[in-house]
Amino acid sequence: MSISHPIPPTPPHHHPDLRIIDLGRLSYAAAFDLQLMHHAEVLEAREAGVPEIGRLLLVEHDPPVITISRRPGARDNLRASESFLASRGITLAETDRGGDITYHGPGQLVIYPIIDLNLLKLGLHGYMRLLEEAVITCCAAFGLPCSREHGATGVWTDGPRASAPDQQPRKIAAMGVRVRRWVTMHGLALNISTNLTHFAHIIPCGLVGREVTSLERELGPKCPTMVEVKRVLSNELSAALRAERAKWPG
């Protein structure tokens, strides 16, 4: 299969047992096919007796896409018709990840960790918290304090300065994963310079009345570039995953 990249991908970086692969800009379907390929390779490594932590696939989805999980009622959180979305260049895709409904598009960094949780002896709850913590640390590095919200997976912010007491935190990163034979797929999406108006076509993650934001909206001219965020966030994830691996040598 031939895949064209509007932006040429950078060469993979290598760490012991962990690869970081920048896919550039790619459609949701093409990226999903690559997830399946890497998932199969990580499983093969385990079965061959040479297990690896896995791979981090970095991508911006282009064309823009709204993904809907198989959770009952998820499609009810779509606010626009398929024909209306198509007229604006937005596609629809069903997905087998957890979660509800979300949007992906240019200016948003999506990371698909294909990780052998068996090797790390890491449960799903611990893995999700690891993803959240990496995003929180990454945003803090650029001057934006973020946090978790009880009962709402993802990362949230009040902005670079203290907000009004009655203001609800805004969601800056969404997460949804699937585990097959304890190797992960799907992952996280961090809004950098995303077109936030596209979120008006859905109820993001099924959370009514909760606002979505981006690094650009919160930081203005101090917003980092996509290249900078890719570097910092992939390094944070790599360090966290290698730290989990170091707990179980051999």
C-alpha atoms as a PDB file:
ATOM      1  CA  MET A   1       0.000   0.000   0.000  1.00  0.00           C
ATOM      2  CA  SER A   2       1.341   3.428  -0.910  1.00  0.00           C
ATOM      3  CA  ILE A   3       0.786   6.251   1.581  1.00  0.00           C
ATOM      4  CA  SER A   4       1.522   9.854   0.743  1.00  0.00           C
ATOM      5  CA  HIS A   5       2.369  12.394   3.436  1.00  0.00           C
ATOM      6  CA  PRO A   6       1.541  16.064   2.906  1.00  0.00           C
ATOM      7  CA  ILE A   7       4.336  16.778   5.422  1.00  0.00           C
ATOM      8  CA  PRO A   8       7.316  14.394   5.179  1.00  0.00           C
ATOM      9  CA  PRO A   9       7.665  12.347   8.380  1.00  0.00           C
ATOM     10  CA  THR A  10      10.822  12.670  10.409  1.00  0.00           C
ATOM     11  CA  PRO A  11      13.012   9.577  10.809  1.00  0.00           C
ATOM     12  CA  PRO A  12      12.207   7.344  13.806  1.00  0.00           C
ATOM     13  CA  HIS A  13      14.094   7.958  17.019  1.00  0.00           C
ATOM     14  CA  HIS A  14      15.290   4.860  18.826  1.00  0.00           C
ATOM     15  CA  HIS A  15      15.363   4.044  22.521  1.00  0.00           C
ATOM     16  CA  PRO A  16      16.007   0.663  24.089  1.00  0.00           C
ATOM     17  CA  ASP A  17      12.841  -1.360  23.473  1.00  0.00           C
ATOM     18  CA  LEU A  18      10.921   1.771  22.384  1.00  0.00           C
ATOM     19  CA  ARG A  19      10.579   3.498  19.008  1.00  0.00           C
ATOM     20  CA  ILE A  20       9.160   6.974  18.344  1.00  0.00           C
ATOM     21  CA  ILE A  21       7.762   7.219  14.821  1.00  0.00           C
ATOM     22  CA  ASP A  22       6.535  10.525  13.392  1.00  0.00           C
ATOM     23  CA  LEU A  23       3.920   9.869  10.704  1.00  0.00           C
ATOM     24  CA  GLY A  24       3.447  13.536   9.791  1.00  0.00           C
ATOM     25  CA  ARG A  25      -0.091  14.198   8.534  1.00  0.00           C
ATOM     26  CA  LEU A  26      -2.188  11.180   7.687  1.00  0.00           C
ATOM     27  CA  SER A  27      -5.832  10.183   7.347  1.00  0.00           C
ATOM     28  CA  TYR A  28      -7.481   8.401  10.245  1.00  0.00           C
ATOM     29  CA  ALA A  29      -7.946   5.186   8.241  1.00  0.00           C
ATOM     30  CA  ALA A  30      -4.314   5.048   7.097  1.00  0.00           C
ATOM     31  CA  ALA A  31      -3.066   5.672  10.634  1.00  0.00           C
ATOM     32  CA  PHE A  32      -5.347   2.946  11.966  1.00  0.00           C
ATOM     33  CA  ASP A  33      -3.871   0.469   9.479  1.00  0.00           C
ATOM     34  CA  LEU A  34      -0.399   1.390  10.735  1.00  0.00           C
ATOM     35  CA  GLN A  35      -1.534   0.886  14.324  1.00  0.00           C
ATOM     36  CA  LEU A  36      -2.639  -2.632  13.423  1.00  0.00           C
ATOM     37  CA  MET A  37       0.706  -3.349  11.767  1.00  0.00           C
ATOM     38  CA  HIS A  38       2.757  -2.153  14.729  1.00  0.00           C
ATOM     39  CA  HIS A  39       0.428  -3.915  17.181  1.00  0.00           C
ATOM     40  CA  ALA A  40       1.049  -7.201  15.340  1.00  0.00           C
ATOM     41  CA  GLU A  41       4.817  -6.634  15.412  1.00  0.00           C
ATOM     42  CA  VAL A  42       4.865  -5.923  19.157  1.00  0.00           C
ATOM     43  CA  LEU A  43       2.864  -9.120  19.766  1.00  0.00           C
ATOM     44  CA  GLU A  44       5.244 -11.073  17.513  1.00  0.00           C
ATOM     45  CA  ALA A  45       8.215  -9.790  19.518  1.00  0.00           C
ATOM     46  CA  ARG A  46       6.604 -11.005  22.742  1.00  0.00           C
ATOM     47  CA  GLU A  47       5.837 -14.422  21.280  1.00  0.00           C
ATOM     48  CA  ALA A  48       9.383 -14.726  19.900  1.00  0.00           C
ATOM     49  CA  GLY A  49      10.773 -14.240  23.397  1.00  0.00           C
ATOM     50  CA  VAL A  50      12.265 -10.796  22.697  1.00  0.00           C
ATOM     51  CA  PRO A  51       9.536  -8.496  24.049  1.00  0.00           C
ATOM     52  CA  GLU A  52       9.780  -4.744  23.516  1.00  0.00           C
ATOM     53  CA  ILE A  53       8.064  -1.876  25.284  1.00  0.00           C
ATOM     54  CA  GLY A  54       6.561  -0.872  21.939  1.00  0.00           C
ATOM     55  CA  ARG A  55       6.228   2.188  19.726  1.00  0.00           C
ATOM     56  CA  LEU A  56       4.837   5.720  19.906  1.00  0.00           C
ATOM     57  CA  LEU A  57       3.128   6.794  16.677  1.00  0.00           C
ATOM     58  CA  LEU A  58       2.862  10.588  16.332  1.00  0.00           C
ATOM     59  CA  VAL A  59       0.371  11.999  13.832  1.00  0.00           C
ATOM     60  CA  GLU A  60      -1.856  14.922  12.838  1.00  0.00           C
ATOM     61  CA  HIS A  61      -5.050  13.727  11.188  1.00  0.00           C
ATOM     62  CA  ASP A  62      -5.779  15.304   7.824  1.00  0.00           C
ATOM     63  CA  PRO A  63      -8.492  15.406   6.564  1.00  0.00           C
ATOM     64  CA  PRO A  64     -10.240  16.345   9.818  1.00  0.00           C
ATOM     65  CA  VAL A  65     -12.327  13.550  11.293  1.00  0.00           C
ATOM     66  CA  ILE A  66     -14.944  12.950  13.959  1.00  0.00           C
ATOM     67  CA  THR A  67     -14.541   9.514  15.518  1.00  0.00           C
ATOM     68  CA  ILE A  68     -17.427   7.748  17.229  1.00  0.00           C
ATOM     69  CA  SER A  69     -16.925   4.789  19.544  1.00  0.00           C
ATOM     70  CA  ARG A  70     -19.228   1.793  19.780  1.00  0.00           C
ATOM     71  CA  ARG A  71     -20.466   2.875  23.202  1.00  0.00           C
ATOM     72  CA  PRO A  72     -24.294   2.933  23.269  1.00  0.00           C
ATOM     73  CA  GLY A  73     -25.522   6.487  22.750  1.00  0.00           C
ATOM     74  CA  ALA A  74     -22.208   7.822  21.440  1.00  0.00           C
ATOM     75  CA  ARG A  75     -23.715   8.750  18.056  1.00  0.00           C
ATOM     76  CA  ASP A  76     -26.364  10.804  19.877  1.00  0.00           C
ATOM     77  CA  ASN A  77     -23.584  13.267  20.724  1.00  0.00           C
ATOM     78  CA  LEU A  78     -23.104  14.129  17.042  1.00  0.00           C
ATOM     79  CA  ARG A  79     -24.709  17.517  16.405  1.00  0.00           C
ATOM     80  CA  ALA A  80     -24.344  17.758  12.610  1.00  0.00           C
ATOM     81  CA  SER A  81     -25.372  15.614   9.649  1.00  0.00           C
ATOM     82  CA  GLU A  82     -22.808  13.689   7.646  1.00  0.00           C
ATOM     83  CA  SER A  83     -23.586  15.806   4.561  1.00  0.00           C
ATOM     84  CA  PHE A  84     -23.072  19.042   6.504  1.00  0.00           C
ATOM     85  CA  LEU A  85     -19.718  17.812   7.819  1.00  0.00           C
ATOM     86  CA  ALA A  86     -18.661  16.668   4.349  1.00  0.00           C
ATOM     87  CA  SER A  87     -19.379  20.146   2.990  1.00  0.00           C
ATOM     88  CA  ARG A  88     -16.769  21.421   5.461  1.00  0.00           C
ATOM     89  CA  GLY A  89     -14.229  18.735   4.702  1.00  0.00           C
ATOM     90  CA  ILE A  90     -14.827  16.746   7.898  1.00  0.00           C
ATOM     91  CA  THR A  91     -15.187  12.964   7.694  1.00  0.00           C
ATOM     92  CA  LEU A  92     -16.848  10.507  10.084  1.00  0.00           C
ATOM     93  CA  ALA A  93     -15.303   7.264  11.300  1.00  0.00           C
ATOM     94  CA  GLU A  94     -16.396   4.526  13.663  1.00  0.00           C
ATOM     95  CA  THR A  95     -13.673   3.508  16.091  1.00  0.00           C
ATOM     96  CA  ASP A  96     -13.070   0.552  18.403  1.00  0.00           C
ATOM     97  CA  ARG A  97     -11.378   2.618  21.117  1.00  0.00           C
ATOM     98  CA  GLY A  98     -12.903   3.376  24.492  1.00  0.00           C
ATOM     99  CA  GLY A  99     -14.542   6.688  25.222  1.00  0.00           C
ATOM    100  CA  ASP A 100     -17.334   8.387  23.304  1.00  0.00           C
ATOM    101  CA  ILE A 101     -17.045  10.909  20.453  1.00  0.00           C
ATOM    102  CA  THR A 102     -14.193  13.266  19.616  1.00  0.00           C
ATOM    103  CA  TYR A 103     -12.592  15.339  16.860  1.00  0.00           C
ATOM    104  CA  HIS A 104      -9.146  15.088  15.268  1.00  0.00           C
ATOM    105  CA  GLY A 105      -7.602  17.516  12.811  1.00  0.00           C
ATOM    106  CA  PRO A 106      -4.551  19.567  11.842  1.00  0.00           C
ATOM    107  CA  GLY A 107      -2.988  21.425  14.748  1.00  0.00           C
ATOM    108  CA  GLN A 108      -3.785  18.593  17.140  1.00  0.00           C
ATOM    109  CA  LEU A 109      -1.065  16.164  18.199  1.00  0.00           C
ATOM    110  CA  VAL A 110      -2.344  12.587  18.335  1.00  0.00           C
ATOM    111  CA  ILE A 111      -0.110   9.940  19.883  1.00  0.00           C
ATOM    112  CA  TYR A 112      -0.902   6.257  19.492  1.00  0.00           C
ATOM    113  CA  PRO A 113       1.225   4.277  21.962  1.00  0.00           C
ATOM    114  CA  ILE A 114       1.453   0.618  20.926  1.00  0.00           C
ATOM    115  CA  ILE A 115       2.673  -0.662  24.299  1.00  0.00           C
ATOM    116  CA  ASP A 116       3.119  -4.151  25.779  1.00  0.00           C
ATOM    117  CA  LEU A 117       1.476  -3.737  29.174  1.00  0.00           C
ATOM    118  CA  ASN A 118       2.404  -7.324  30.053  1.00  0.00           C
ATOM    119  CA  LEU A 119       6.092  -6.436  29.856  1.00  0.00           C
ATOM    120  CA  LEU A 120       5.569  -3.369  32.045  1.00  0.00           C
ATOM    121  CA  LYS A 121       3.228  -5.225  34.441  1.00  0.00           C
ATOM    122  CA  LEU A 122       0.993  -2.182  34.129  1.00  0.00           C
ATOM    123  CA  GLY A 123      -2.794  -2.267  34.499  1.00  0.00           C
ATOM    124  CA  LEU A 124      -5.166  -0.186  32.395  1.00  0.00           C
ATOM    125  CA  HIS A 125      -5.883   2.307  35.210  1.00  0.00           C
ATOM    126  CA  GLY A 126      -2.174   2.900  35.802  1.00  0.00           C
ATOM    127  CA  TYR A 127      -1.554   3.236  32.078  1.00  0.00           C
ATOM    128  CA  MET A 128      -4.251   5.904  31.660  1.00  0.00           C
ATOM    129  CA  ARG A 129      -2.854   7.878  34.596  1.00  0.00           C
ATOM    130  CA  LEU A 130       0.622   7.636  33.010  1.00  0.00           C
ATOM    131  CA  LEU A 131      -0.724   9.174  29.780  1.00  0.00           C
ATOM    132  CA  GLU A 132      -2.445  11.963  31.683  1.00  0.00           C
ATOM    133  CA  GLU A 133       0.649  12.743  33.754  1.00  0.00           C
ATOM    134  CA  ALA A 134       2.844  12.981  30.646  1.00  0.00           C
ATOM    135  CA  VAL A 135       0.462  15.544  29.113  1.00  0.00           C
ATOM    136  CA  ILE A 136       0.256  17.513  32.376  1.00  0.00           C
ATOM    137  CA  THR A 137       4.063  17.651  32.613  1.00  0.00           C
ATOM    138  CA  CYS A 138       4.373  18.619  28.939  1.00  0.00           C
ATOM    139  CA  CYS A 139       1.891  21.509  29.236  1.00  0.00           C
ATOM    140  CA  ALA A 140       3.582  22.737  32.413  1.00  0.00           C
ATOM    141  CA  ALA A 141       6.874  22.900  30.503  1.00  0.00           C
ATOM    142  CA  PHE A 142       5.256  25.499  28.233  1.00  0.00           C
ATOM    143  CA  GLY A 143       3.762  27.508  31.105  1.00  0.00           C
ATOM    144  CA  LEU A 144       0.266  26.049  31.219  1.00  0.00           C
ATOM    145  CA  PRO A 145      -0.785  24.342  34.474  1.00  0.00           C
ATOM    146  CA  CYS A 146      -3.146  21.416  33.912  1.00  0.00           C
ATOM    147  CA  SER A 147      -4.775  18.738  36.042  1.00  0.00           C
ATOM    148  CA  ARG A 148      -7.065  15.723  36.103  1.00  0.00           C
ATOM    149  CA  GLU A 149     -10.803  15.813  36.761  1.00  0.00           C
ATOM    150  CA  HIS A 150     -12.383  13.146  38.954  1.00  0.00           C
ATOM    151  CA  GLY A 151     -14.560  10.863  36.836  1.00  0.00           C
ATOM    152  CA  ALA A 152     -13.531  12.468  33.518  1.00  0.00           C
ATOM    153  CA  THR A 153     -10.561  10.909  31.744  1.00  0.00           C
ATOM    154  CA  GLY A 154      -8.284  13.432  30.039  1.00  0.00           C
ATOM    155  CA  VAL A 155      -6.429  16.628  30.932  1.00  0.00           C
ATOM    156  CA  TRP A 156      -7.994  19.948  31.925  1.00  0.00           C
ATOM    157  CA  THR A 157      -6.836  23.521  32.529  1.00  0.00           C
ATOM    158  CA  ASP A 158      -7.964  26.762  34.124  1.00  0.00           C
ATOM    159  CA  GLY A 159      -5.514  28.685  31.963  1.00  0.00           C
ATOM    160  CA  PRO A 160      -2.058  30.150  32.646  1.00  0.00           C
ATOM    161  CA  ARG A 161      -3.414  32.333  35.464  1.00  0.00           C
ATOM    162  CA  ALA A 162      -5.916  31.660  38.243  1.00  0.00           C
ATOM    163  CA  SER A 163      -9.449  31.628  36.880  1.00  0.00           C
ATOM    164  CA  ALA A 164     -12.637  32.926  38.412  1.00  0.00           C
ATOM    165  CA  PRO A 165     -13.845  30.633  41.221  1.00  0.00           C
ATOM    166  CA  ASP A 166     -17.005  29.693  39.328  1.00  0.00           C
ATOM    167  CA  GLN A 167     -15.250  28.887  36.039  1.00  0.00           C
ATOM    168  CA  GLN A 168     -15.065  25.233  35.045  1.00  0.00           C
ATOM    169  CA  PRO A 169     -11.747  23.868  33.762  1.00  0.00           C
ATOM    170  CA  ARG A 170     -11.489  23.429  29.997  1.00  0.00           C
ATOM    171  CA  LYS A 171     -10.451  20.176  28.334  1.00  0.00           C
ATOM    172  CA  ILE A 172      -7.157  20.349  26.442  1.00  0.00           C
ATOM    173  CA  ALA A 173      -6.430  16.647  25.880  1.00  0.00           C
ATOM    174  CA  ALA A 174      -8.738  13.705  25.249  1.00  0.00           C
ATOM    175  CA  MET A 175      -7.906  10.023  25.712  1.00  0.00           C
ATOM    176  CA  GLY A 176      -9.358   6.730  24.585  1.00  0.00           C
ATOM    177  CA  VAL A 177      -7.631   3.370  24.322  1.00  0.00           C
ATOM    178  CA  ARG A 178      -8.193  -0.252  23.466  1.00  0.00           C
ATOM    179  CA  VAL A 179      -6.173  -3.206  24.707  1.00  0.00           C
ATOM    180  CA  ARG A 180      -5.787  -6.372  22.633  1.00  0.00           C
ATOM    181  CA  ARG A 181      -3.904  -9.186  24.353  1.00  0.00           C
ATOM    182  CA  TRP A 182      -2.500  -6.531  26.692  1.00  0.00           C
ATOM    183  CA  VAL A 183      -0.952  -4.505  23.893  1.00  0.00           C
ATOM    184  CA  THR A 184      -2.477  -1.034  23.638  1.00  0.00           C
ATOM    185  CA  MET A 185      -3.922   0.859  20.687  1.00  0.00           C
ATOM    186  CA  HIS A 186      -5.316   4.377  20.215  1.00  0.00           C
ATOM    187  CA  GLY A 187      -4.217   6.881  22.859  1.00  0.00           C
ATOM    188  CA  LEU A 188      -4.304  10.654  23.354  1.00  0.00           C
ATOM    189  CA  ALA A 189      -5.011  13.885  21.469  1.00  0.00           C
ATOM    190  CA  LEU A 190      -3.576  17.212  22.640  1.00  0.00           C
ATOM    191  CA  ASN A 191      -4.943  20.438  21.133  1.00  0.00           C
ATOM    192  CA  ILE A 192      -2.127  22.778  20.095  1.00  0.00           C
ATOM    193  CA  SER A 193      -3.480  25.072  17.347  1.00  0.00           C
ATOM    194  CA  THR A 194      -6.571  22.998  16.568  1.00  0.00           C
ATOM    195  CA  ASN A 195      -9.603  24.572  14.877  1.00  0.00           C
ATOM    196  CA  LEU A 196     -11.770  24.624  18.004  1.00  0.00           C
ATOM    197  CA  THR A 197     -14.908  25.640  16.064  1.00  0.00           C
ATOM    198  CA  HIS A 198     -15.093  22.054  14.758  1.00  0.00           C
ATOM    199  CA  PHE A 199     -15.834  20.820  18.283  1.00  0.00           C
ATOM    200  CA  ALA A 200     -19.192  22.626  18.028  1.00  0.00           C
ATOM    201  CA  HIS A 201     -20.375  19.768  15.795  1.00  0.00           C
ATOM    202  CA  ILE A 202     -20.198  17.272  18.689  1.00  0.00           C
ATOM    203  CA  ILE A 203     -20.648  17.007  22.430  1.00  0.00           C
ATOM    204  CA  PRO A 204     -16.983  16.155  23.077  1.00  0.00           C
ATOM    205  CA  CYS A 205     -16.619  12.881  24.982  1.00  0.00           C
ATOM    206  CA  GLY A 206     -20.345  13.127  25.767  1.00  0.00           C
ATOM    207  CA  LEU A 207     -19.722  15.781  28.456  1.00  0.00           C
ATOM    208  CA  VAL A 208     -22.482  18.361  28.146  1.00  0.00           C
ATOM    209  CA  GLY A 209     -21.509  21.975  28.795  1.00  0.00           C
ATOM    210  CA  ARG A 210     -17.766  21.330  29.105  1.00  0.00           C
ATOM    211  CA  GLU A 211     -15.547  23.599  27.041  1.00  0.00           C
ATOM    212  CA  VAL A 212     -12.622  22.473  24.876  1.00  0.00           C
ATOM    213  CA  THR A 213      -9.457  24.545  24.588  1.00  0.00           C
ATOM    214  CA  SER A 214      -5.958  24.502  23.066  1.00  0.00           C
ATOM    215  CA  LEU A 215      -2.431  25.603  23.890  1.00  0.00           C
ATOM    216  CA  GLU A 216      -2.841  28.393  21.336  1.00  0.00           C
ATOM    217  CA  ARG A 217      -5.995  29.700  22.965  1.00  0.00           C
ATOM    218  CA  GLU A 218      -4.522  29.586  26.457  1.00  0.00           C
ATOM    219  CA  LEU A 219      -0.983  30.814  25.709  1.00  0.00           C
ATOM    220  CA  GLY A 220      -1.529  33.100  22.717  1.00  0.00           C
ATOM    221  CA  PRO A 221       1.784  34.143  21.111  1.00  0.00           C
ATOM    222  CA  LYS A 222       3.670  31.973  23.623  1.00  0.00           C
ATOM    223  CA  CYS A 223       2.104  28.828  22.153  1.00  0.00           C
ATOM    224  CA  PRO A 224       4.787  26.288  21.210  1.00  0.00           C
ATOM    225  CA  THR A 225       5.060  24.814  17.734  1.00  0.00           C
ATOM    226  CA  MET A 226       3.911  21.323  16.818  1.00  0.00           C
ATOM    227  CA  VAL A 227       7.566  20.264  16.535  1.00  0.00           C
ATOM    228  CA  GLU A 228       8.302  21.485  20.072  1.00  0.00           C
ATOM    229  CA  VAL A 229       5.281  19.742  21.580  1.00  0.00           C
ATOM    230  CA  LYS A 230       6.073  16.502  19.749  1.00  0.00           C
ATOM    231  CA  ARG A 231       9.581  16.545  21.195  1.00  0.00           C
ATOM    232  CA  VAL A 232       8.568  17.307  24.780  1.00  0.00           C
ATOM    233  CA  LEU A 233       5.540  15.028  24.989  1.00  0.00           C
ATOM    234  CA  SER A 234       7.196  12.053  23.292  1.00  0.00           C
ATOM    235  CA  ASN A 235      10.184  12.447  25.620  1.00  0.00           C
ATOM    236  CA  GLU A 236       7.887  12.538  28.676  1.00  0.00           C
ATOM    237  CA  LEU A 237       6.041   9.419  27.547  1.00  0.00           C
ATOM    238  CA  SER A 238       9.285   7.629  26.715  1.00  0.00           C
ATOM    239  CA  ALA A 239      10.782   8.429  30.114  1.00  0.00           C
ATOM    240  CA  ALA A 240       7.653   7.289  31.949  1.00  0.00           C
ATOM    241  CA  LEU A 241       7.428   4.015  30.017  1.00  0.00           C
ATOM    242  CA  ARG A 242      11.133   3.260  30.440  1.00  0.00           C
ATOM    243  CA  ALA A 243      10.777   3.950  34.169  1.00  0.00           C
ATOM    244  CA  GLU A 244       7.983   1.353  34.351  1.00  0.00           C
ATOM    245  CA  ARG A 245      10.178  -1.105  32.452  1.00  0.00           C
ATOM    246  CA  ALA A 246      13.071  -0.501  34.860  1.00  0.00           C
ATOM    247  CA  LYS A 247      10.904  -1.687  37.761  1.00  0.00           C
ATOM    248  CA  TRP A 248      10.926  -5.192  36.265  1.00  0.00           C
ATOM    249  CA  PRO A 249      14.448  -5.966  34.987  1.00  0.00           C
ATOM    250  CA  GLY A 250      15.183  -9.158  33.106  1.00  0.00           C
END
